[in-house]
Amino acid sequence: MPHLWEVPGGACDEGDETILHGVACEVREESGLKVSALRQRVGPGGCHVFFSRKGLKVCKYTFEVEVESTEKVRLDLSEHQNYIWVTEEECRSCKVEDGGSAVEIKFTAPAQEATILEGFRLR
């Protein structure tokens, strides 16, 4: 069974000054990467609304960010177990070569896939 793939994300904390501060904090917490710039909001429509496993109604916004460096990814293993960098073509084919073996990409939700593809389109 393939792993489920998604981009880092989470909720704003009470101490976050703005949603943009929350974005930077979540990226840092989940991947160890330091956001250096927020480029643009990404995703079809306004926001993706869904219910969490705890039954909370969530409105998810996704942003394209720049990071200082991609060389030292440090995952929060309670959030993500692995990562891969993919091209648009690999994302569309749902397959990427990683160290000589093919990795199948299955997204956590259709909205996640649509948002990632929208990010490629906007670039």
PDB file of N, CA and C in Angstrom:
ATOM      1  N   MET A   1       0.840  -1.185   0.000  1.00  0.00           N
ATOM      2  CA  MET A   1       0.000   0.000   0.000  1.00  0.00           C
ATOM      3  C   MET A   1       0.882   1.245   0.000  1.00  0.00           C
ATOM      4  N   PRO A   2       0.591   2.211  -0.859  1.00  0.00           N
ATOM      5  CA  PRO A   2       1.425   3.404  -0.918  1.00  0.00           C
ATOM      6  C   PRO A   2       1.200   4.307   0.294  1.00  0.00           C
ATOM      7  N   HIS A   3       2.222   5.080   0.596  1.00  0.00           N
ATOM      8  CA  HIS A   3       2.085   6.110   1.623  1.00  0.00           C
ATOM      9  C   HIS A   3       1.130   7.182   1.111  1.00  0.00           C
ATOM     10  N   LEU A   4       0.531   7.929   2.024  1.00  0.00           N
ATOM     11  CA  LEU A   4      -0.305   9.061   1.643  1.00  0.00           C
ATOM     12  C   LEU A   4       0.545  10.328   1.725  1.00  0.00           C
ATOM     13  N   TRP A   5       0.458  11.166   0.698  1.00  0.00           N
ATOM     14  CA  TRP A   5       1.309  12.346   0.590  1.00  0.00           C
ATOM     15  C   TRP A   5       0.502  13.626   0.739  1.00  0.00           C
ATOM     16  N   GLU A   6       1.123  14.623   1.387  1.00  0.00           N
ATOM     17  CA  GLU A   6       0.550  15.951   1.538  1.00  0.00           C
ATOM     18  C   GLU A   6       1.671  16.940   1.847  1.00  0.00           C
ATOM     19  N   VAL A   7       1.362  18.206   1.747  1.00  0.00           N
ATOM     20  CA  VAL A   7       2.333  19.237   2.109  1.00  0.00           C
ATOM     21  C   VAL A   7       2.194  19.533   3.604  1.00  0.00           C
ATOM     22  N   PRO A   8       3.241  20.104   4.226  1.00  0.00           N
ATOM     23  CA  PRO A   8       3.124  20.465   5.644  1.00  0.00           C
ATOM     24  C   PRO A   8       1.952  21.417   5.864  1.00  0.00           C
ATOM     25  N   GLY A   9       1.341  21.318   7.017  1.00  0.00           N
ATOM     26  CA  GLY A   9       0.226  22.209   7.325  1.00  0.00           C
ATOM     27  C   GLY A   9      -0.222  22.054   8.751  1.00  0.00           C
ATOM     28  N   GLY A  10      -1.070  22.957   9.170  1.00  0.00           N
ATOM     29  CA  GLY A  10      -1.583  22.883  10.525  1.00  0.00           C
ATOM     30  C   GLY A  10      -2.373  24.123  10.864  1.00  0.00           C
ATOM     31  N   ALA A  11      -2.729  24.228  12.113  1.00  0.00           N
ATOM     32  CA  ALA A  11      -3.545  25.343  12.575  1.00  0.00           C
ATOM     33  C   ALA A  11      -2.673  26.466  13.123  1.00  0.00           C
ATOM     34  N   CYS A  12      -3.219  27.654  13.081  1.00  0.00           N
ATOM     35  CA  CYS A  12      -2.559  28.780  13.733  1.00  0.00           C
ATOM     36  C   CYS A  12      -2.651  28.567  15.238  1.00  0.00           C
ATOM     37  N   ASP A  13      -1.591  28.913  15.928  1.00  0.00           N
ATOM     38  CA  ASP A  13      -1.587  28.850  17.381  1.00  0.00           C
ATOM     39  C   ASP A  13      -2.013  30.205  17.942  1.00  0.00           C
ATOM     40  N   GLU A  14      -2.447  30.207  19.171  1.00  0.00           N
ATOM     41  CA  GLU A  14      -2.922  31.444  19.785  1.00  0.00           C
ATOM     42  C   GLU A  14      -1.858  32.545  19.760  1.00  0.00           C
ATOM     43  N   GLY A  15      -0.591  32.176  19.845  1.00  0.00           N
ATOM     44  CA  GLY A  15       0.490  33.166  19.864  1.00  0.00           C
ATOM     45  C   GLY A  15       0.886  33.695  18.495  1.00  0.00           C
ATOM     46  N   ASP A  16       0.361  33.104  17.414  1.00  0.00           N
ATOM     47  CA  ASP A  16       0.700  33.577  16.065  1.00  0.00           C
ATOM     48  C   ASP A  16       0.070  34.939  15.825  1.00  0.00           C
ATOM     49  N   GLU A  17       0.883  35.904  15.399  1.00  0.00           N
ATOM     50  CA  GLU A  17       0.372  37.258  15.160  1.00  0.00           C
ATOM     51  C   GLU A  17      -0.617  37.296  13.989  1.00  0.00           C
ATOM     52  N   THR A  18      -0.317  36.538  12.931  1.00  0.00           N
ATOM     53  CA  THR A  18      -1.168  36.494  11.741  1.00  0.00           C
ATOM     54  C   THR A  18      -1.154  35.075  11.191  1.00  0.00           C
ATOM     55  N   ILE A  19      -2.004  34.831  10.206  1.00  0.00           N
ATOM     56  CA  ILE A  19      -2.014  33.526   9.540  1.00  0.00           C
ATOM     57  C   ILE A  19      -0.651  33.265   8.866  1.00  0.00           C
ATOM     58  N   LEU A  20       0.015  34.323   8.406  1.00  0.00           N
ATOM     59  CA  LEU A  20       1.316  34.160   7.754  1.00  0.00           C
ATOM     60  C   LEU A  20       2.393  33.720   8.750  1.00  0.00           C
ATOM     61  N   HIS A  21       2.316  34.222   9.981  1.00  0.00           N
ATOM     62  CA  HIS A  21       3.224  33.732  11.020  1.00  0.00           C
ATOM     63  C   HIS A  21       2.950  32.256  11.290  1.00  0.00           C
ATOM     64  N   GLY A  22       1.669  31.895  11.285  1.00  0.00           N
ATOM     65  CA  GLY A  22       1.295  30.496  11.478  1.00  0.00           C
ATOM     66  C   GLY A  22       1.854  29.591  10.394  1.00  0.00           C
ATOM     67  N   VAL A  23       1.843  30.077   9.147  1.00  0.00           N
ATOM     68  CA  VAL A  23       2.408  29.308   8.029  1.00  0.00           C
ATOM     69  C   VAL A  23       3.888  29.019   8.289  1.00  0.00           C
ATOM     70  N   ALA A  24       4.638  30.064   8.622  1.00  0.00           N
ATOM     71  CA  ALA A  24       6.080  29.911   8.856  1.00  0.00           C
ATOM     72  C   ALA A  24       6.346  28.956  10.012  1.00  0.00           C
ATOM     73  N   CYS A  25       5.562  29.066  11.077  1.00  0.00           N
ATOM     74  CA  CYS A  25       5.745  28.182  12.235  1.00  0.00           C
ATOM     75  C   CYS A  25       5.455  26.729  11.891  1.00  0.00           C
ATOM     76  N   GLU A  26       4.380  26.471  11.160  1.00  0.00           N
ATOM     77  CA  GLU A  26       4.027  25.101  10.806  1.00  0.00           C
ATOM     78  C   GLU A  26       5.067  24.464   9.888  1.00  0.00           C
ATOM     79  N   VAL A  27       5.565  25.221   8.906  1.00  0.00           N
ATOM     80  CA  VAL A  27       6.602  24.687   8.019  1.00  0.00           C
ATOM     81  C   VAL A  27       7.835  24.315   8.841  1.00  0.00           C
ATOM     82  N   ARG A  28       8.239  25.197   9.761  1.00  0.00           N
ATOM     83  CA  ARG A  28       9.416  24.945  10.601  1.00  0.00           C
ATOM     84  C   ARG A  28       9.195  23.732  11.500  1.00  0.00           C
ATOM     85  N   GLU A  29       8.015  23.671  12.147  1.00  0.00           N
ATOM     86  CA  GLU A  29       7.733  22.565  13.072  1.00  0.00           C
ATOM     87  C   GLU A  29       7.703  21.215  12.371  1.00  0.00           C
ATOM     88  N   GLU A  30       7.122  21.157  11.179  1.00  0.00           N
ATOM     89  CA  GLU A  30       6.922  19.870  10.515  1.00  0.00           C
ATOM     90  C   GLU A  30       8.083  19.436   9.630  1.00  0.00           C
ATOM     91  N   SER A  31       8.882  20.391   9.138  1.00  0.00           N
ATOM     92  CA  SER A  31       9.937  20.025   8.194  1.00  0.00           C
ATOM     93  C   SER A  31      11.326  20.503   8.600  1.00  0.00           C
ATOM     94  N   GLY A  32      11.406  21.395   9.577  1.00  0.00           N
ATOM     95  CA  GLY A  32      12.692  21.961   9.954  1.00  0.00           C
ATOM     96  C   GLY A  32      13.171  23.060   9.007  1.00  0.00           C
ATOM     97  N   LEU A  33      12.378  23.364   7.968  1.00  0.00           N
ATOM     98  CA  LEU A  33      12.779  24.376   6.987  1.00  0.00           C
ATOM     99  C   LEU A  33      12.339  25.761   7.463  1.00  0.00           C
ATOM    100  N   LYS A  34      13.206  26.753   7.231  1.00  0.00           N
ATOM    101  CA  LYS A  34      12.913  28.123   7.655  1.00  0.00           C
ATOM    102  C   LYS A  34      12.396  28.926   6.467  1.00  0.00           C
ATOM    103  N   VAL A  35      11.162  29.416   6.587  1.00  0.00           N
ATOM    104  CA  VAL A  35      10.545  30.215   5.526  1.00  0.00           C
ATOM    105  C   VAL A  35      11.257  31.559   5.436  1.00  0.00           C
ATOM    106  N   SER A  36      11.670  31.925   4.219  1.00  0.00           N
ATOM    107  CA  SER A  36      12.304  33.226   4.005  1.00  0.00           C
ATOM    108  C   SER A  36      11.367  34.201   3.308  1.00  0.00           C
ATOM    109  N   ALA A  37      10.344  33.680   2.600  1.00  0.00           N
ATOM    110  CA  ALA A  37       9.368  34.543   1.934  1.00  0.00           C
ATOM    111  C   ALA A  37       8.093  33.757   1.666  1.00  0.00           C
ATOM    112  N   LEU A  38       6.974  34.447   1.774  1.00  0.00           N
ATOM    113  CA  LEU A  38       5.691  33.874   1.360  1.00  0.00           C
ATOM    114  C   LEU A  38       5.388  34.435  -0.008  1.00  0.00           C
ATOM    115  N   ARG A  39       5.176  33.569  -0.984  1.00  0.00           N
ATOM    116  CA  ARG A  39       4.995  34.001  -2.370  1.00  0.00           C
ATOM    117  C   ARG A  39       3.543  34.330  -2.695  1.00  0.00           C
ATOM    118  N   GLN A  40       2.649  33.353  -2.506  1.00  0.00           N
ATOM    119  CA  GLN A  40       1.255  33.555  -2.885  1.00  0.00           C
ATOM    120  C   GLN A  40       0.391  32.456  -2.270  1.00  0.00           C
ATOM    121  N   ARG A  41      -0.895  32.750  -2.173  1.00  0.00           N
ATOM    122  CA  ARG A  41      -1.838  31.723  -1.747  1.00  0.00           C
ATOM    123  C   ARG A  41      -2.109  30.828  -2.941  1.00  0.00           C
ATOM    124  N   VAL A  42      -2.220  29.541  -2.686  1.00  0.00           N
ATOM    125  CA  VAL A  42      -2.391  28.560  -3.751  1.00  0.00           C
ATOM    126  C   VAL A  42      -3.633  27.726  -3.456  1.00  0.00           C
ATOM    127  N   GLY A  43      -4.343  27.392  -4.500  1.00  0.00           N
ATOM    128  CA  GLY A  43      -5.458  26.470  -4.349  1.00  0.00           C
ATOM    129  C   GLY A  43      -6.685  26.968  -5.066  1.00  0.00           C
ATOM    130  N   PRO A  44      -7.424  26.052  -5.632  1.00  0.00           N
ATOM    131  CA  PRO A  44      -8.654  26.432  -6.328  1.00  0.00           C
ATOM    132  C   PRO A  44      -9.689  26.967  -5.343  1.00  0.00           C
ATOM    133  N   GLY A  45     -10.384  28.022  -5.727  1.00  0.00           N
ATOM    134  CA  GLY A  45     -11.415  28.600  -4.869  1.00  0.00           C
ATOM    135  C   GLY A  45     -10.828  29.378  -3.713  1.00  0.00           C
ATOM    136  N   GLY A  46     -11.660  29.682  -2.730  1.00  0.00           N
ATOM    137  CA  GLY A  46     -11.217  30.454  -1.574  1.00  0.00           C
ATOM    138  C   GLY A  46     -10.368  29.638  -0.628  1.00  0.00           C
ATOM    139  N   CYS A  47     -10.988  28.681   0.028  1.00  0.00           N
ATOM    140  CA  CYS A  47     -10.252  27.779   0.912  1.00  0.00           C
ATOM    141  C   CYS A  47     -10.917  26.412   0.831  1.00  0.00           C
ATOM    142  N   HIS A  48     -10.195  25.418   1.238  1.00  0.00           N
ATOM    143  CA  HIS A  48     -10.718  24.053   1.234  1.00  0.00           C
ATOM    144  C   HIS A  48     -11.338  23.791   2.606  1.00  0.00           C
ATOM    145  N   VAL A  49     -12.643  23.563   2.654  1.00  0.00           N
ATOM    146  CA  VAL A  49     -13.351  23.321   3.916  1.00  0.00           C
ATOM    147  C   VAL A  49     -13.593  21.820   4.070  1.00  0.00           C
ATOM    148  N   PHE A  50     -13.285  21.313   5.257  1.00  0.00           N
ATOM    149  CA  PHE A  50     -13.500  19.897   5.543  1.00  0.00           C
ATOM    150  C   PHE A  50     -13.650  19.713   7.049  1.00  0.00           C
ATOM    151  N   PHE A  51     -14.010  18.506   7.468  1.00  0.00           N
ATOM    152  CA  PHE A  51     -14.110  18.175   8.888  1.00  0.00           C
ATOM    153  C   PHE A  51     -12.908  17.331   9.281  1.00  0.00           C
ATOM    154  N   SER A  52     -12.279  17.693  10.388  1.00  0.00           N
ATOM    155  CA  SER A  52     -11.119  16.951  10.893  1.00  0.00           C
ATOM    156  C   SER A  52     -11.581  15.634  11.508  1.00  0.00           C
ATOM    157  N   ARG A  53     -10.612  14.785  11.848  1.00  0.00           N
ATOM    158  CA  ARG A  53     -10.938  13.520  12.508  1.00  0.00           C
ATOM    159  C   ARG A  53     -11.639  13.742  13.841  1.00  0.00           C
ATOM    160  N   LYS A  54     -11.390  14.913  14.453  1.00  0.00           N
ATOM    161  CA  LYS A  54     -12.031  15.250  15.727  1.00  0.00           C
ATOM    162  C   LYS A  54     -13.397  15.899  15.525  1.00  0.00           C
ATOM    163  N   GLY A  55     -13.835  16.036  14.249  1.00  0.00           N
ATOM    164  CA  GLY A  55     -15.135  16.611  13.961  1.00  0.00           C
ATOM    165  C   GLY A  55     -15.150  18.126  13.876  1.00  0.00           C
ATOM    166  N   LEU A  56     -13.987  18.750  13.880  1.00  0.00           N
ATOM    167  CA  LEU A  56     -13.908  20.202  13.776  1.00  0.00           C
ATOM    168  C   LEU A  56     -14.020  20.638  12.320  1.00  0.00           C
ATOM    169  N   LYS A  57     -14.776  21.685  12.066  1.00  0.00           N
ATOM    170  CA  LYS A  57     -14.871  22.239  10.713  1.00  0.00           C
ATOM    171  C   LYS A  57     -13.632  23.110  10.474  1.00  0.00           C
ATOM    172  N   VAL A  58     -12.900  22.805   9.400  1.00  0.00           N
ATOM    173  CA  VAL A  58     -11.630  23.454   9.122  1.00  0.00           C
ATOM    174  C   VAL A  58     -11.690  24.141   7.765  1.00  0.00           C
ATOM    175  N   CYS A  59     -11.125  25.325   7.691  1.00  0.00           N
ATOM    176  CA  CYS A  59     -10.938  26.028   6.420  1.00  0.00           C
ATOM    177  C   CYS A  59      -9.433  26.089   6.189  1.00  0.00           C
ATOM    178  N   LYS A  60      -8.956  25.357   5.195  1.00  0.00           N
ATOM    179  CA  LYS A  60      -7.524  25.234   4.959  1.00  0.00           C
ATOM    180  C   LYS A  60      -7.080  26.147   3.823  1.00  0.00           C
ATOM    181  N   TYR A  61      -6.086  26.974   4.132  1.00  0.00           N
ATOM    182  CA  TYR A  61      -5.433  27.819   3.137  1.00  0.00           C
ATOM    183  C   TYR A  61      -4.040  27.254   2.898  1.00  0.00           C
ATOM    184  N   THR A  62      -3.575  27.311   1.655  1.00  0.00           N
ATOM    185  CA  THR A  62      -2.246  26.821   1.319  1.00  0.00           C
ATOM    186  C   THR A  62      -1.468  27.957   0.664  1.00  0.00           C
ATOM    187  N   PHE A  63      -0.185  28.054   1.026  1.00  0.00           N
ATOM    188  CA  PHE A  63       0.673  29.114   0.504  1.00  0.00           C
ATOM    189  C   PHE A  63       1.931  28.534  -0.113  1.00  0.00           C
ATOM    190  N   GLU A  64       2.379  29.154  -1.202  1.00  0.00           N
ATOM    191  CA  GLU A  64       3.693  28.849  -1.755  1.00  0.00           C
ATOM    192  C   GLU A  64       4.700  29.668  -0.964  1.00  0.00           C
ATOM    193  N   VAL A  65       5.752  29.016  -0.501  1.00  0.00           N
ATOM    194  CA  VAL A  65       6.779  29.712   0.276  1.00  0.00           C
ATOM    195  C   VAL A  65       8.149  29.467  -0.317  1.00  0.00           C
ATOM    196  N   GLU A  66       9.079  30.350   0.008  1.00  0.00           N
ATOM    197  CA  GLU A  66      10.495  30.127  -0.258  1.00  0.00           C
ATOM    198  C   GLU A  66      11.127  29.786   1.081  1.00  0.00           C
ATOM    199  N   VAL A  67      12.127  28.915   1.057  1.00  0.00           N
ATOM    200  CA  VAL A  67      12.843  28.566   2.282  1.00  0.00           C
ATOM    201  C   VAL A  67      14.315  28.892   2.116  1.00  0.00           C
ATOM    202  N   GLU A  68      14.986  29.099   3.248  1.00  0.00           N
ATOM    203  CA  GLU A  68      16.397  29.468   3.201  1.00  0.00           C
ATOM    204  C   GLU A  68      17.246  28.391   2.539  1.00  0.00           C
ATOM    205  N   SER A  69      16.958  27.139   2.826  1.00  0.00           N
ATOM    206  CA  SER A  69      17.712  26.020   2.259  1.00  0.00           C
ATOM    207  C   SER A  69      16.847  24.774   2.311  1.00  0.00           C
ATOM    208  N   THR A  70      17.008  23.899   1.325  1.00  0.00           N
ATOM    209  CA  THR A  70      16.278  22.625   1.329  1.00  0.00           C
ATOM    210  C   THR A  70      17.195  21.460   1.696  1.00  0.00           C
ATOM    211  N   GLU A  71      18.420  21.775   2.119  1.00  0.00           N
ATOM    212  CA  GLU A  71      19.399  20.717   2.362  1.00  0.00           C
ATOM    213  C   GLU A  71      19.203  19.962   3.669  1.00  0.00           C
ATOM    214  N   LYS A  72      18.591  20.594   4.666  1.00  0.00           N
ATOM    215  CA  LYS A  72      18.458  19.931   5.960  1.00  0.00           C
ATOM    216  C   LYS A  72      16.993  19.820   6.364  1.00  0.00           C
ATOM    217  N   VAL A  73      16.298  18.887   5.745  1.00  0.00           N
ATOM    218  CA  VAL A  73      14.909  18.626   6.114  1.00  0.00           C
ATOM    219  C   VAL A  73      14.927  17.765   7.376  1.00  0.00           C
ATOM    220  N   ARG A  74      14.227  18.224   8.403  1.00  0.00           N
ATOM    221  CA  ARG A  74      14.093  17.496   9.660  1.00  0.00           C
ATOM    222  C   ARG A  74      12.612  17.307   9.921  1.00  0.00           C
ATOM    223  N   LEU A  75      12.105  16.127   9.646  1.00  0.00           N
ATOM    224  CA  LEU A  75      10.673  15.880   9.785  1.00  0.00           C
ATOM    225  C   LEU A  75      10.273  15.672  11.237  1.00  0.00           C
ATOM    226  N   ASP A  76       9.097  16.163  11.571  1.00  0.00           N
ATOM    227  CA  ASP A  76       8.439  15.806  12.818  1.00  0.00           C
ATOM    228  C   ASP A  76       7.760  14.475  12.522  1.00  0.00           C
ATOM    229  N   LEU A  77       8.320  13.381  13.033  1.00  0.00           N
ATOM    230  CA  LEU A  77       7.839  12.048  12.673  1.00  0.00           C
ATOM    231  C   LEU A  77       6.425  11.750  13.184  1.00  0.00           C
ATOM    232  N   SER A  78       5.898  12.578  14.072  1.00  0.00           N
ATOM    233  CA  SER A  78       4.504  12.399  14.454  1.00  0.00           C
ATOM    234  C   SER A  78       3.579  13.007  13.402  1.00  0.00           C
ATOM    235  N   GLU A  79       4.139  13.791  12.484  1.00  0.00           N
ATOM    236  CA  GLU A  79       3.368  14.440  11.419  1.00  0.00           C
ATOM    237  C   GLU A  79       3.623  13.808  10.053  1.00  0.00           C
ATOM    238  N   HIS A  80       4.905  13.562   9.739  1.00  0.00           N
ATOM    239  CA  HIS A  80       5.298  13.059   8.420  1.00  0.00           C
ATOM    240  C   HIS A  80       6.403  12.020   8.598  1.00  0.00           C
ATOM    241  N   GLN A  81       6.346  10.947   7.821  1.00  0.00           N
ATOM    242  CA  GLN A  81       7.342   9.894   7.942  1.00  0.00           C
ATOM    243  C   GLN A  81       8.412   9.948   6.860  1.00  0.00           C
ATOM    244  N   ASN A  82       8.149  10.678   5.782  1.00  0.00           N
ATOM    245  CA  ASN A  82       9.113  10.733   4.691  1.00  0.00           C
ATOM    246  C   ASN A  82       8.801  11.964   3.854  1.00  0.00           C
ATOM    247  N   TYR A  83       9.731  12.308   2.978  1.00  0.00           N
ATOM    248  CA  TYR A  83       9.486  13.407   2.050  1.00  0.00           C
ATOM    249  C   TYR A  83      10.182  13.113   0.732  1.00  0.00           C
ATOM    250  N   ILE A  84       9.680  13.713  -0.319  1.00  0.00           N
ATOM    251  CA  ILE A  84      10.319  13.662  -1.630  1.00  0.00           C
ATOM    252  C   ILE A  84      10.089  15.008  -2.313  1.00  0.00           C
ATOM    253  N   TRP A  85      11.028  15.402  -3.137  1.00  0.00           N
ATOM    254  CA  TRP A  85      10.869  16.580  -3.989  1.00  0.00           C
ATOM    255  C   TRP A  85      10.437  16.055  -5.344  1.00  0.00           C
ATOM    256  N   VAL A  86       9.369  16.596  -5.911  1.00  0.00           N
ATOM    257  CA  VAL A  86       8.849  16.090  -7.174  1.00  0.00           C
ATOM    258  C   VAL A  86       8.687  17.211  -8.188  1.00  0.00           C
ATOM    259  N   THR A  87       8.756  16.828  -9.440  1.00  0.00           N
ATOM    260  CA  THR A  87       8.460  17.753 -10.527  1.00  0.00           C
ATOM    261  C   THR A  87       6.955  17.711 -10.794  1.00  0.00           C
ATOM    262  N   GLU A  88       6.490  18.641 -11.601  1.00  0.00           N
ATOM    263  CA  GLU A  88       5.075  18.635 -11.969  1.00  0.00           C
ATOM    264  C   GLU A  88       4.712  17.349 -12.700  1.00  0.00           C
ATOM    265  N   GLU A  89       5.588  16.909 -13.598  1.00  0.00           N
ATOM    266  CA  GLU A  89       5.315  15.689 -14.369  1.00  0.00           C
ATOM    267  C   GLU A  89       5.193  14.474 -13.451  1.00  0.00           C
ATOM    268  N   GLU A  90       6.077  14.372 -12.462  1.00  0.00           N
ATOM    269  CA  GLU A  90       6.018  13.258 -11.518  1.00  0.00           C
ATOM    270  C   GLU A  90       4.731  13.328 -10.695  1.00  0.00           C
ATOM    271  N   CYS A  91       4.361  14.531 -10.296  1.00  0.00           N
ATOM    272  CA  CYS A  91       3.131  14.721  -9.526  1.00  0.00           C
ATOM    273  C   CYS A  91       1.917  14.272 -10.355  1.00  0.00           C
ATOM    274  N   ARG A  92       1.888  14.665 -11.617  1.00  0.00           N
ATOM    275  CA  ARG A  92       0.758  14.295 -12.483  1.00  0.00           C
ATOM    276  C   ARG A  92       0.702  12.784 -12.738  1.00  0.00           C
ATOM    277  N   SER A  93       1.865  12.156 -12.873  1.00  0.00           N
ATOM    278  CA  SER A  93       1.891  10.711 -13.131  1.00  0.00           C
ATOM    279  C   SER A  93       1.745   9.890 -11.854  1.00  0.00           C
ATOM    280  N   CYS A  94       1.813  10.575 -10.705  1.00  0.00           N
ATOM    281  CA  CYS A  94       1.714   9.914  -9.394  1.00  0.00           C
ATOM    282  C   CYS A  94       2.805   8.873  -9.178  1.00  0.00           C
ATOM    283  N   LYS A  95       3.974   9.142  -9.776  1.00  0.00           N
ATOM    284  CA  LYS A  95       5.120   8.247  -9.636  1.00  0.00           C
ATOM    285  C   LYS A  95       6.401   9.060  -9.685  1.00  0.00           C
ATOM    286  N   VAL A  96       7.355   8.702  -8.825  1.00  0.00           N
ATOM    287  CA  VAL A  96       8.657   9.369  -8.834  1.00  0.00           C
ATOM    288  C   VAL A  96       9.737   8.324  -8.566  1.00  0.00           C
ATOM    289  N   GLU A  97      10.854   8.483  -9.238  1.00  0.00           N
ATOM    290  CA  GLU A  97      12.009   7.618  -8.988  1.00  0.00           C
ATOM    291  C   GLU A  97      12.752   8.175  -7.783  1.00  0.00           C
ATOM    292  N   ASP A  98      12.990   7.355  -6.782  1.00  0.00           N
ATOM    293  CA  ASP A  98      13.682   7.788  -5.574  1.00  0.00           C
ATOM    294  C   ASP A  98      14.733   6.749  -5.219  1.00  0.00           C
ATOM    295  N   GLY A  99      15.983   7.071  -5.509  1.00  0.00           N
ATOM    296  CA  GLY A  99      17.062   6.136  -5.199  1.00  0.00           C
ATOM    297  C   GLY A  99      16.996   4.847  -5.983  1.00  0.00           C
ATOM    298  N   GLY A 100      16.534   4.904  -7.223  1.00  0.00           N
ATOM    299  CA  GLY A 100      16.501   3.726  -8.078  1.00  0.00           C
ATOM    300  C   GLY A 100      15.208   2.934  -8.015  1.00  0.00           C
ATOM    301  N   SER A 101      14.311   3.287  -7.114  1.00  0.00           N
ATOM    302  CA  SER A 101      13.033   2.573  -7.073  1.00  0.00           C
ATOM    303  C   SER A 101      11.889   3.565  -7.263  1.00  0.00           C
ATOM    304  N   ALA A 102      10.811   3.059  -7.843  1.00  0.00           N
ATOM    305  CA  ALA A 102       9.650   3.905  -8.114  1.00  0.00           C
ATOM    306  C   ALA A 102       8.812   4.047  -6.839  1.00  0.00           C
ATOM    307  N   VAL A 103       8.430   5.272  -6.542  1.00  0.00           N
ATOM    308  CA  VAL A 103       7.560   5.560  -5.408  1.00  0.00           C
ATOM    309  C   VAL A 103       6.221   6.022  -5.955  1.00  0.00           C
ATOM    310  N   GLU A 104       5.143   5.367  -5.530  1.00  0.00           N
ATOM    311  CA  GLU A 104       3.803   5.773  -5.943  1.00  0.00           C
ATOM    312  C   GLU A 104       3.338   6.922  -5.062  1.00  0.00           C
ATOM    313  N   ILE A 105       2.795   7.951  -5.688  1.00  0.00           N
ATOM    314  CA  ILE A 105       2.281   9.099  -4.949  1.00  0.00           C
ATOM    315  C   ILE A 105       0.761   8.980  -4.885  1.00  0.00           C
ATOM    316  N   LYS A 106       0.249   8.842  -3.674  1.00  0.00           N
ATOM    317  CA  LYS A 106      -1.198   8.843  -3.457  1.00  0.00           C
ATOM    318  C   LYS A 106      -1.461   9.957  -2.443  1.00  0.00           C
ATOM    319  N   PHE A 107      -2.277  10.915  -2.828  1.00  0.00           N
ATOM    320  CA  PHE A 107      -2.514  12.074  -1.990  1.00  0.00           C
ATOM    321  C   PHE A 107      -3.531  11.772  -0.899  1.00  0.00           C
ATOM    322  N   THR A 108      -3.451  12.526   0.199  1.00  0.00           N
ATOM    323  CA  THR A 108      -4.377  12.328   1.317  1.00  0.00           C
ATOM    324  C   THR A 108      -5.811  12.632   0.921  1.00  0.00           C
ATOM    325  N   ALA A 109      -5.989  13.529  -0.072  1.00  0.00           N
ATOM    326  CA  ALA A 109      -7.337  13.907  -0.518  1.00  0.00           C
ATOM    327  C   ALA A 109      -7.244  14.509  -1.916  1.00  0.00           C
ATOM    328  N   PRO A 110      -8.306  14.423  -2.703  1.00  0.00           N
ATOM    329  CA  PRO A 110      -8.302  15.040  -4.026  1.00  0.00           C
ATOM    330  C   PRO A 110      -7.992  16.543  -3.965  1.00  0.00           C
ATOM    331  N   ALA A 111      -8.456  17.228  -2.919  1.00  0.00           N
ATOM    332  CA  ALA A 111      -8.190  18.668  -2.788  1.00  0.00           C
ATOM    333  C   ALA A 111      -6.702  18.937  -2.609  1.00  0.00           C
ATOM    334  N   GLN A 112      -5.980  18.035  -1.925  1.00  0.00           N
ATOM    335  CA  GLN A 112      -4.536  18.192  -1.751  1.00  0.00           C
ATOM    336  C   GLN A 112      -3.830  18.107  -3.107  1.00  0.00           C
ATOM    337  N   GLU A 113      -4.204  17.128  -3.897  1.00  0.00           N
ATOM    338  CA  GLU A 113      -3.619  16.981  -5.234  1.00  0.00           C
ATOM    339  C   GLU A 113      -3.932  18.208  -6.095  1.00  0.00           C
ATOM    340  N   ALA A 114      -5.178  18.663  -6.077  1.00  0.00           N
ATOM    341  CA  ALA A 114      -5.579  19.828  -6.878  1.00  0.00           C
ATOM    342  C   ALA A 114      -4.800  21.069  -6.465  1.00  0.00           C
ATOM    343  N   THR A 115      -4.582  21.239  -5.178  1.00  0.00           N
ATOM    344  CA  THR A 115      -3.847  22.403  -4.687  1.00  0.00           C
ATOM    345  C   THR A 115      -2.389  22.352  -5.130  1.00  0.00           C
ATOM    346  N   ILE A 116      -1.765  21.198  -5.038  1.00  0.00           N
ATOM    347  CA  ILE A 116      -0.363  21.064  -5.456  1.00  0.00           C
ATOM    348  C   ILE A 116      -0.242  21.326  -6.954  1.00  0.00           C
ATOM    349  N   LEU A 117      -1.138  20.764  -7.752  1.00  0.00           N
ATOM    350  CA  LEU A 117      -1.098  21.009  -9.197  1.00  0.00           C
ATOM    351  C   LEU A 117      -1.351  22.482  -9.526  1.00  0.00           C
ATOM    352  N   GLU A 118      -2.225  23.133  -8.763  1.00  0.00           N
ATOM    353  CA  GLU A 118      -2.453  24.559  -8.937  1.00  0.00           C
ATOM    354  C   GLU A 118      -1.179  25.354  -8.640  1.00  0.00           C
ATOM    355  N   GLY A 119      -0.442  24.927  -7.634  1.00  0.00           N
ATOM    356  CA  GLY A 119       0.835  25.573  -7.333  1.00  0.00           C
ATOM    357  C   GLY A 119       1.808  25.484  -8.486  1.00  0.00           C
ATOM    358  N   PHE A 120       1.897  24.319  -9.114  1.00  0.00           N
ATOM    359  CA  PHE A 120       2.753  24.189 -10.307  1.00  0.00           C
ATOM    360  C   PHE A 120       2.266  25.094 -11.419  1.00  0.00           C
ATOM    361  N   ARG A 121       0.947  25.139 -11.633  1.00  0.00           N
ATOM    362  CA  ARG A 121       0.394  25.973 -12.703  1.00  0.00           C
ATOM    363  C   ARG A 121       0.735  27.444 -12.505  1.00  0.00           C
ATOM    364  N   LEU A 122       0.652  27.913 -11.273  1.00  0.00           N
ATOM    365  CA  LEU A 122       0.920  29.316 -10.981  1.00  0.00           C
ATOM    366  C   LEU A 122       2.378  29.703 -11.150  1.00  0.00           C
ATOM    367  N   ARG A 123       3.270  28.744 -11.043  1.00  0.00           N
ATOM    368  CA  ARG A 123       4.701  29.041 -11.206  1.00  0.00           C
ATOM    369  C   ARG A 123       5.007  29.286 -12.649  1.00  0.00           C
TER     370      ARG A 123
END
